[in-house]
Protein backbone atom coordinates (compact mmCIF):
# COMPACT_ATOMS: atom_id res chain seq x y z
CA UNK A 1 -21.05 29.84 35.97
CA UNK A 2 -21.14 33.45 36.69
CA UNK A 3 -24.30 34.94 35.39
CA UNK A 4 -23.92 38.37 33.58
CA UNK A 5 -26.06 41.41 33.64
CA UNK A 6 -25.77 44.77 31.88
CA UNK A 7 -23.34 46.30 34.32
CA UNK A 8 -20.99 43.00 34.20
CA UNK A 9 -19.28 41.92 31.03
CA UNK A 10 -19.62 38.36 29.79
CA UNK A 11 -16.87 35.96 30.41
CA UNK A 12 -14.85 35.33 27.59
CA UNK A 13 -14.38 31.68 28.07
CA UNK A 14 -18.20 30.56 28.36
CA UNK A 15 -17.12 26.82 30.08
CA UNK A 16 -18.52 26.61 33.02
CA UNK A 17 -16.05 26.56 36.28
CA UNK A 18 -12.94 25.60 34.04
CA UNK A 19 -11.05 28.64 33.13
CA UNK A 20 -7.90 28.24 30.95
CA UNK A 21 -4.40 29.00 32.20
CA UNK A 22 -6.18 29.36 35.68
CA UNK A 23 -7.64 32.61 37.53
CA UNK A 24 -5.29 35.68 38.40
CA UNK A 25 -5.62 38.23 40.43
CA UNK A 26 -5.87 40.87 39.46
CA UNK A 27 -7.47 39.65 36.55
CA UNK A 28 -5.95 39.68 32.80
CA UNK A 29 -7.63 40.72 29.43
CA UNK A 30 -7.79 37.39 27.36
CA UNK A 31 -9.03 37.11 23.58
CA UNK A 32 -10.62 34.27 21.89
CA UNK A 33 -9.89 33.71 18.75
CA UNK A 34 -11.99 31.19 16.77
CA UNK A 35 -11.26 29.82 13.35
CA UNK A 36 -13.38 29.65 10.15
CA UNK A 37 -13.45 26.39 8.51
CA UNK A 38 -14.72 28.20 5.28
CA UNK A 39 -11.43 29.98 5.10
CA UNK A 40 -8.44 28.64 3.29
CA UNK A 41 -5.31 26.57 5.34
CA UNK A 42 -3.09 29.76 4.32
CA UNK A 43 -5.44 32.10 5.70
CA UNK A 44 -5.27 30.14 9.07
CA UNK A 45 -1.54 30.06 9.00
CA UNK A 46 -1.73 33.86 8.49
CA UNK A 47 -4.03 34.61 11.26
CA UNK A 48 -1.58 32.75 13.36
CA UNK A 49 1.44 34.93 11.99
CA UNK A 50 -0.72 38.00 12.67
CA UNK A 51 -1.34 37.03 16.39
CA UNK A 52 2.25 36.32 16.81
CA UNK A 53 3.18 39.90 15.42
CA UNK A 54 0.53 41.72 17.28
CA UNK A 55 1.82 40.01 20.49
CA UNK A 56 5.38 40.64 20.02
CA UNK A 57 4.37 44.51 19.14
CA UNK A 58 2.68 44.74 22.49
CA UNK A 59 5.68 44.46 24.36
CA UNK A 60 3.48 42.27 27.03
CA UNK A 61 3.70 38.61 28.07
CA UNK A 62 1.39 36.78 25.73
CA UNK A 63 0.33 33.24 26.35
CA UNK A 64 -1.16 31.55 23.05
CA UNK A 65 -3.59 28.55 24.03
CA UNK A 66 -4.94 26.45 20.93
CA UNK A 67 -7.47 24.35 22.44
CA UNK A 68 -9.67 22.00 20.31
CA UNK A 69 -10.49 18.38 20.40
CA UNK A 70 -8.74 15.89 17.96
CA UNK A 71 -10.55 12.92 16.26
CA UNK A 72 -13.96 12.45 17.01
CA UNK A 73 -14.64 8.86 16.04
CA UNK A 74 -12.76 6.76 18.56
CA UNK A 75 -16.04 4.95 19.98
CA UNK A 76 -18.59 2.99 18.03
CA UNK A 77 -21.22 3.48 20.88
CA UNK A 78 -20.66 7.55 20.68
CA UNK A 79 -23.10 9.49 18.39
CA UNK A 80 -19.91 9.95 16.02
CA UNK A 81 -19.51 6.20 15.61
CA UNK A 82 -15.92 4.76 15.27
CA UNK A 83 -13.82 5.52 12.30
CA UNK A 84 -10.35 4.35 12.15
CA UNK A 85 -9.38 8.03 10.50
CA UNK A 86 -9.87 9.23 14.11
CA UNK A 87 -7.10 7.22 15.75
CA UNK A 88 -5.12 7.66 12.44
CA UNK A 89 -5.07 11.48 12.40
CA UNK A 90 -4.31 11.74 16.25
CA UNK A 91 -1.20 9.43 15.91
CA UNK A 92 -0.25 11.36 12.82
CA UNK A 93 -0.57 14.78 15.11
CA UNK A 94 1.63 13.29 17.95
CA UNK A 95 4.35 12.53 15.70
CA UNK A 96 4.11 16.04 14.01
CA UNK A 97 4.58 17.64 17.33
CA UNK A 98 7.38 15.41 18.30
CA UNK A 99 9.26 16.09 15.24
CA UNK A 100 8.28 19.92 15.42
CA UNK A 101 6.45 19.41 11.82
CA UNK A 102 3.43 21.12 12.53
CA UNK A 103 3.75 22.91 8.90
CA UNK A 104 3.04 19.56 7.50
CA UNK A 105 -0.54 20.13 8.48
CA UNK A 106 -0.86 22.17 5.29
CA UNK A 107 -0.46 19.08 3.40
CA UNK A 108 -3.81 17.57 4.86
CA UNK A 109 -7.08 17.42 2.94
CA UNK A 110 -9.36 19.63 5.19
CA UNK A 111 -12.42 17.17 3.65
CA UNK A 112 -10.71 14.15 5.12
CA UNK A 113 -9.79 15.88 8.78
CA UNK A 114 -13.60 17.04 8.96
CA UNK A 115 -15.67 14.03 7.49
CA UNK A 116 -13.44 10.93 8.36
CA UNK A 117 -11.10 12.11 11.35
CA UNK A 118 -14.03 14.08 12.81
CA UNK A 119 -11.26 16.67 14.16
CA UNK A 120 -11.97 19.96 15.35
CA UNK A 121 -8.15 20.73 15.95
CA UNK A 122 -6.97 21.03 12.90
CA UNK A 123 -7.80 24.61 12.00
CA UNK A 124 -6.51 25.84 15.30
CA UNK A 125 -3.03 23.75 15.03
CA UNK A 126 -2.41 25.60 11.76
CA UNK A 127 -2.96 28.79 13.42
CA UNK A 128 -0.59 27.87 16.09
CA UNK A 129 1.85 26.84 13.36
CA UNK A 130 1.44 30.59 11.76
CA UNK A 131 2.06 31.90 15.17
CA UNK A 132 5.48 29.56 16.08
CA UNK A 133 6.60 28.82 12.69
CA UNK A 134 9.85 26.59 13.00
CA UNK A 135 10.93 29.05 15.84
CA UNK A 136 9.72 27.12 18.58
CA UNK A 137 10.08 23.42 19.93
CA UNK A 138 7.65 21.34 20.92
CA UNK A 139 7.34 18.70 23.85
CA UNK A 140 4.14 16.27 23.76
CA UNK A 141 3.33 16.19 27.40
CA UNK A 142 0.13 13.67 27.00
CA UNK A 143 -2.25 11.81 24.52
CA UNK A 144 -4.91 10.09 25.63
CA UNK A 145 -8.54 9.12 24.11
CA UNK A 146 -10.61 8.46 27.03
CA UNK A 147 -13.81 8.51 25.65
CA UNK A 148 -15.00 9.15 21.93
CA UNK A 149 -12.25 12.13 20.94
CA UNK A 150 -8.66 12.29 21.44
CA UNK A 151 -7.10 14.79 23.57
CA UNK A 152 -3.25 16.22 23.29
CA UNK A 153 -1.34 18.54 25.48
CA UNK A 154 1.84 19.83 24.15
CA UNK A 155 4.14 22.61 25.14
CA UNK A 156 6.26 24.78 23.15
CA UNK A 157 9.13 27.50 23.88
CA UNK A 158 11.42 29.17 21.56
CA UNK A 159 13.60 27.00 20.13
CA UNK A 160 17.55 27.02 21.33
CA UNK A 161 19.97 28.65 18.68
CA UNK A 162 21.86 26.01 16.80
C-alpha cells in the first residue's frame, strides 16, 4: 500500500493492493460512499437515486460499484459462528438478482439482516436499487461462500426497451 504524506493525497480505497475497477492511466477520480445503518431503508434508496441523478447530470462515463460481503454466518468455526439465516439470506439475494427484483429488499427486516443473516450488503444493495431502479437488467455472474461469508458478483446493464 502506498504511504501518504501531507504532500500526497490518501488513497480513496484503502484495501492494500486491490483497486476496485483496476488501475487507470491517467488516474481517474473515485468517490467512496458508505451507507449508514442508522438511516431508514427509504433514505438509502433515495441516496442511490441522487447518486444516479448526479452521475447522469455530469455528462461523464460513470461506474457504480456496490461492494460488500453478504451473510457472515456460513462457518461454525469462524468468530461469527454458523447461522442458517446467512445462507438463507444469500440465496434470497441470488434470487432477487436473477429475477431483477432488488426493490423487494424494502420488505426485509434490517434487524434480521444484521443480527441473524449477519450481512453487510443489504444497505449497499438498497442504494444500488435506488440508483438503477427497474431500468437496468441484472446478470448474476457468480455466487460463492468459500469462507465464513458469501460473495456475489453481478453486472447490470440498461434494460432493453420492450
